N, C-alpha and C. Protein backbone atom coordinates (compact mmCIF):
# COMPACT_ATOMS: atom_id res chain seq x y z
N UNK A 1 0.91 -1.22 -0.02
CA UNK A 1 -0.04 -0.05 -0.08
C UNK A 1 0.93 1.25 -0.01
N UNK A 2 0.66 2.17 -0.83
CA UNK A 2 1.37 3.38 -1.02
C UNK A 2 0.87 4.46 -0.09
N UNK A 3 1.79 5.37 0.41
CA UNK A 3 1.31 6.56 1.05
C UNK A 3 0.89 7.55 0.11
N UNK A 4 0.36 8.63 0.60
CA UNK A 4 -0.13 9.72 -0.38
C UNK A 4 1.00 10.19 -1.11
N UNK A 5 2.14 10.46 -0.46
CA UNK A 5 3.32 11.11 -1.18
C UNK A 5 3.94 10.10 -2.14
N UNK A 6 3.98 8.84 -1.82
CA UNK A 6 4.38 7.82 -2.76
C UNK A 6 3.57 7.68 -3.94
N UNK A 7 2.24 7.72 -3.76
CA UNK A 7 1.26 7.58 -4.99
C UNK A 7 1.28 8.75 -5.82
N UNK A 8 1.54 9.99 -5.23
CA UNK A 8 1.65 11.16 -6.07
C UNK A 8 2.90 11.15 -6.90
N UNK A 9 4.00 10.62 -6.26
CA UNK A 9 5.32 10.52 -6.93
C UNK A 9 5.12 9.52 -8.17
N UNK A 10 4.50 8.45 -7.89
CA UNK A 10 4.24 7.40 -8.98
C UNK A 10 3.36 8.03 -10.11
N UNK A 11 2.29 8.71 -9.78
CA UNK A 11 1.48 9.40 -10.82
C UNK A 11 2.24 10.37 -11.67
N UNK A 12 3.03 11.14 -10.89
CA UNK A 12 3.85 12.20 -11.56
C UNK A 12 4.89 11.55 -12.55
N UNK A 13 5.37 10.45 -12.11
CA UNK A 13 6.40 9.73 -13.02
C UNK A 13 5.82 9.37 -14.24
N UNK A 14 4.47 9.09 -14.29
CA UNK A 14 3.71 8.73 -15.56
C UNK A 14 3.00 9.94 -16.23
N UNK A 15 3.45 11.21 -15.68
CA UNK A 15 2.95 12.37 -16.28
C UNK A 15 1.50 12.63 -16.12
N UNK A 16 0.94 12.08 -14.95
CA UNK A 16 -0.50 12.24 -14.54
C UNK A 16 -0.48 13.43 -13.56
N UNK A 17 -1.17 14.52 -13.88
CA UNK A 17 -1.18 15.56 -13.00
C UNK A 17 -1.71 15.32 -11.63
N UNK A 18 -1.00 15.83 -10.62
CA UNK A 18 -1.40 15.71 -9.24
C UNK A 18 -1.20 17.14 -8.55
N UNK A 19 -1.86 17.39 -7.44
CA UNK A 19 -1.67 18.59 -6.72
C UNK A 19 -0.24 18.70 -6.20
N UNK A 20 0.35 19.92 -6.35
CA UNK A 20 1.70 20.04 -5.75
C UNK A 20 1.58 19.98 -4.25
N UNK A 21 2.35 18.99 -3.56
CA UNK A 21 2.24 18.89 -2.15
C UNK A 21 3.63 18.84 -1.54
N UNK A 22 3.72 19.42 -0.43
CA UNK A 22 4.92 19.30 0.45
C UNK A 22 4.52 19.19 1.86
N UNK A 23 5.51 18.73 2.71
CA UNK A 23 5.15 18.40 4.12
C UNK A 23 5.96 19.39 5.04
N UNK A 24 5.19 19.88 5.97
CA UNK A 24 5.85 20.82 6.95
C UNK A 24 5.82 20.18 8.34
N UNK A 25 6.87 20.56 9.18
CA UNK A 25 6.90 20.02 10.49
C UNK A 25 6.87 21.18 11.52
N UNK A 26 6.60 22.39 11.12
CA UNK A 26 6.51 23.47 12.03
C UNK A 26 5.63 24.52 11.40
N UNK A 27 5.07 25.45 12.19
CA UNK A 27 4.31 26.55 11.62
C UNK A 27 5.12 27.44 10.63
N UNK A 28 6.42 27.71 10.93
CA UNK A 28 7.20 28.55 10.05
C UNK A 28 7.49 27.80 8.75
N UNK A 29 7.70 26.50 8.88
CA UNK A 29 7.96 25.72 7.66
C UNK A 29 6.63 25.77 6.75
N UNK A 30 5.54 25.71 7.35
CA UNK A 30 4.25 25.64 6.71
C UNK A 30 4.07 26.91 5.94
N UNK A 31 4.35 28.03 6.62
CA UNK A 31 4.26 29.33 5.92
C UNK A 31 5.23 29.40 4.72
N UNK A 32 6.49 29.03 4.88
CA UNK A 32 7.42 29.03 3.84
C UNK A 32 6.96 28.16 2.56
N UNK A 33 6.44 26.93 2.99
CA UNK A 33 5.98 26.18 1.82
C UNK A 33 4.76 26.73 1.13
N UNK A 34 3.88 27.32 1.98
CA UNK A 34 2.60 27.94 1.33
C UNK A 34 3.07 29.12 0.34
N UNK A 35 4.08 29.81 0.80
CA UNK A 35 4.52 30.91 -0.05
C UNK A 35 5.25 30.33 -1.18
N UNK A 36 6.02 29.27 -1.13
CA UNK A 36 6.64 28.66 -2.29
C UNK A 36 5.65 28.06 -3.29
N UNK A 37 4.59 27.39 -2.75
CA UNK A 37 3.59 26.75 -3.62
C UNK A 37 2.66 27.84 -4.28
N UNK A 38 2.45 28.90 -3.55
CA UNK A 38 1.50 29.85 -3.95
C UNK A 38 0.15 29.69 -3.33
N UNK A 39 -0.59 30.77 -3.08
CA UNK A 39 -1.88 30.71 -2.41
C UNK A 39 -2.98 30.54 -3.44
N UNK A 40 -4.06 30.00 -3.14
CA UNK A 40 -4.52 29.43 -1.96
C UNK A 40 -3.91 27.94 -1.74
N UNK A 41 -3.87 27.50 -0.46
CA UNK A 41 -3.38 26.17 -0.21
C UNK A 41 -4.51 25.48 0.64
N UNK A 42 -4.29 24.11 0.69
CA UNK A 42 -5.02 23.27 1.63
C UNK A 42 -4.09 22.58 2.54
N UNK A 43 -4.53 22.28 3.75
CA UNK A 43 -3.60 21.68 4.73
C UNK A 43 -4.35 20.55 5.38
N UNK A 44 -3.58 19.52 5.71
CA UNK A 44 -4.16 18.35 6.53
C UNK A 44 -3.02 17.52 7.21
N UNK A 45 -3.39 16.89 8.17
CA UNK A 45 -2.37 16.04 8.97
C UNK A 45 -2.04 14.87 8.16
N UNK A 46 -0.75 14.37 8.31
CA UNK A 46 -0.33 13.11 7.78
C UNK A 46 -0.05 12.24 9.06
N UNK A 47 -0.79 11.23 9.20
CA UNK A 47 -0.56 10.36 10.39
C UNK A 47 -0.27 8.87 9.84
N UNK A 48 0.58 8.23 10.47
CA UNK A 48 0.86 6.89 10.11
C UNK A 48 -0.42 6.02 10.21
N UNK A 49 -0.65 5.31 9.14
CA UNK A 49 -1.87 4.38 9.03
C UNK A 49 -3.14 5.04 8.97
N UNK A 50 -3.14 6.42 9.12
CA UNK A 50 -4.43 7.10 9.05
C UNK A 50 -4.37 8.32 8.16
N UNK A 51 -3.64 8.24 7.09
CA UNK A 51 -3.37 9.39 6.26
C UNK A 51 -4.68 9.95 5.55
N UNK A 52 -5.68 9.06 5.46
CA UNK A 52 -6.82 9.61 4.77
C UNK A 52 -8.03 10.04 5.72
N UNK A 53 -7.66 10.00 7.01
CA UNK A 53 -8.80 10.44 7.89
C UNK A 53 -9.06 12.03 7.70
N UNK A 54 -10.29 12.32 7.75
CA UNK A 54 -10.62 13.68 7.51
C UNK A 54 -10.55 14.64 8.66
N UNK A 55 -10.36 14.17 9.82
CA UNK A 55 -10.24 15.03 10.92
C UNK A 55 -9.19 16.10 10.88
N UNK A 56 -8.08 15.82 10.12
CA UNK A 56 -7.01 16.73 9.95
C UNK A 56 -7.18 17.89 8.97
N UNK A 57 -8.15 17.76 8.16
CA UNK A 57 -8.43 18.81 7.15
C UNK A 57 -8.63 20.18 7.73
N UNK A 58 -8.07 21.17 7.17
CA UNK A 58 -8.26 22.51 7.64
C UNK A 58 -8.66 23.57 6.54
N UNK A 59 -9.21 23.07 5.50
CA UNK A 59 -9.76 23.99 4.45
C UNK A 59 -8.88 24.06 3.22
N UNK A 60 -9.51 24.46 2.20
CA UNK A 60 -8.73 24.45 0.86
C UNK A 60 -8.62 25.87 0.31
N UNK A 61 -8.93 26.87 1.10
CA UNK A 61 -8.86 28.23 0.65
C UNK A 61 -8.09 29.06 1.54
N UNK A 62 -7.04 28.55 2.11
CA UNK A 62 -6.15 29.38 2.92
C UNK A 62 -5.38 30.28 2.11
N UNK A 63 -5.55 31.65 2.24
CA UNK A 63 -4.96 32.55 1.27
C UNK A 63 -4.07 33.63 1.85
N UNK A 64 -3.88 33.60 3.27
CA UNK A 64 -2.98 34.58 3.87
C UNK A 64 -2.10 33.85 4.81
N UNK A 65 -0.86 34.53 5.10
CA UNK A 65 0.04 34.04 5.93
C UNK A 65 -0.47 33.53 7.37
N UNK A 66 -1.29 34.55 7.89
CA UNK A 66 -1.76 34.28 9.35
C UNK A 66 -2.72 33.07 9.22
N UNK A 67 -3.44 32.83 8.22
CA UNK A 67 -4.32 31.74 8.12
C UNK A 67 -3.54 30.32 8.05
N UNK A 68 -2.40 30.34 7.38
CA UNK A 68 -1.61 29.15 7.38
C UNK A 68 -1.04 28.75 8.74
N UNK A 69 -0.60 29.82 9.46
CA UNK A 69 -0.02 29.64 10.88
C UNK A 69 -1.21 29.07 11.71
N UNK A 70 -2.30 29.68 11.66
CA UNK A 70 -3.40 29.30 12.55
C UNK A 70 -3.93 27.93 12.17
N UNK A 71 -3.94 27.67 10.88
CA UNK A 71 -4.47 26.23 10.44
C UNK A 71 -3.52 25.24 10.92
N UNK A 72 -2.28 25.50 10.86
CA UNK A 72 -1.25 24.44 11.31
C UNK A 72 -1.50 24.21 12.71
N UNK A 73 -1.61 25.13 13.62
CA UNK A 73 -1.88 24.91 14.99
C UNK A 73 -3.19 24.24 15.30
N UNK A 74 -4.24 24.64 14.48
CA UNK A 74 -5.59 24.07 14.58
C UNK A 74 -5.55 22.51 14.34
N UNK A 75 -4.80 22.10 13.32
CA UNK A 75 -4.66 20.75 12.90
C UNK A 75 -3.97 19.96 13.98
N UNK A 76 -2.87 20.51 14.49
CA UNK A 76 -2.12 19.85 15.57
C UNK A 76 -3.11 19.63 16.80
N UNK A 77 -3.71 20.67 17.22
CA UNK A 77 -4.59 20.59 18.39
C UNK A 77 -5.78 19.66 18.17
N UNK A 78 -6.29 19.59 16.89
CA UNK A 78 -7.37 18.71 16.58
C UNK A 78 -6.93 17.28 16.69
N UNK A 79 -5.81 16.93 16.19
CA UNK A 79 -5.24 15.63 16.13
C UNK A 79 -4.93 15.16 17.54
N UNK A 80 -4.34 16.05 18.40
CA UNK A 80 -4.00 15.81 19.75
C UNK A 80 -5.32 15.47 20.64
N UNK A 81 -6.36 16.33 20.29
CA UNK A 81 -7.71 16.12 21.05
C UNK A 81 -8.28 14.84 20.67
N UNK A 82 -8.33 14.55 19.37
CA UNK A 82 -9.13 13.51 18.87
C UNK A 82 -8.40 12.07 18.92
N UNK A 83 -7.05 12.15 18.69
CA UNK A 83 -6.27 11.00 18.59
C UNK A 83 -4.96 11.21 19.45
N UNK A 84 -5.03 11.24 20.83
CA UNK A 84 -3.87 11.73 21.53
C UNK A 84 -2.63 10.78 21.28
N UNK A 85 -2.80 9.48 20.97
CA UNK A 85 -1.67 8.74 20.78
C UNK A 85 -1.25 8.56 19.34
N UNK A 86 -1.81 9.34 18.43
CA UNK A 86 -1.47 9.33 17.05
C UNK A 86 0.00 9.89 16.81
N UNK A 87 0.63 9.22 15.90
CA UNK A 87 2.09 9.66 15.58
C UNK A 87 1.92 10.52 14.26
N UNK A 88 2.28 11.74 14.43
CA UNK A 88 2.20 12.64 13.28
C UNK A 88 3.49 12.58 12.46
N UNK A 89 3.27 12.57 11.16
CA UNK A 89 4.43 12.57 10.19
C UNK A 89 4.50 13.95 9.56
N UNK A 90 3.79 14.90 10.04
CA UNK A 90 3.79 16.21 9.44
C UNK A 90 2.48 16.77 9.11
N UNK A 91 2.38 17.97 8.38
CA UNK A 91 1.28 18.48 7.84
C UNK A 91 1.44 18.58 6.34
N UNK A 92 0.47 18.11 5.63
CA UNK A 92 0.59 18.13 4.17
C UNK A 92 0.05 19.45 3.68
N UNK A 93 0.74 20.17 2.85
CA UNK A 93 0.28 21.39 2.23
C UNK A 93 0.25 21.25 0.76
N UNK A 94 -0.91 21.55 0.15
CA UNK A 94 -0.97 21.30 -1.30
C UNK A 94 -1.74 22.54 -1.99
N UNK A 95 -1.34 22.62 -3.24
CA UNK A 95 -2.02 23.63 -4.12
C UNK A 95 -2.47 22.95 -5.31
C-alpha cells in the first residue's frame, strides 16, 4: 500500500497531473511552503496508518500567511484532542 506522497510521486512519474504537495513540520515551515507553492493552499495532517482520515483537514482556501499559521496549530490541536496517541508525520500542504 502506498502513502499519499508515494502515490503522487508514482502518478507524476507517468505524467499524470497531481496537486503540488509538500510536508511541513512546524508553523514557520508551513508558511514558507505555502509561499513557495502559492496561495490558496489546503492543509491536513499526515498520520501513520491514518493518512486519509478527514479530522486533520483545515480547508482548501487558505489565502494569507496568518491563516496558514493558525491552520497548522488548529490541525495539531485537533489531532491531539481526537487521537492523543497518534504519531504525526507532518502537515501536508498542497495547491
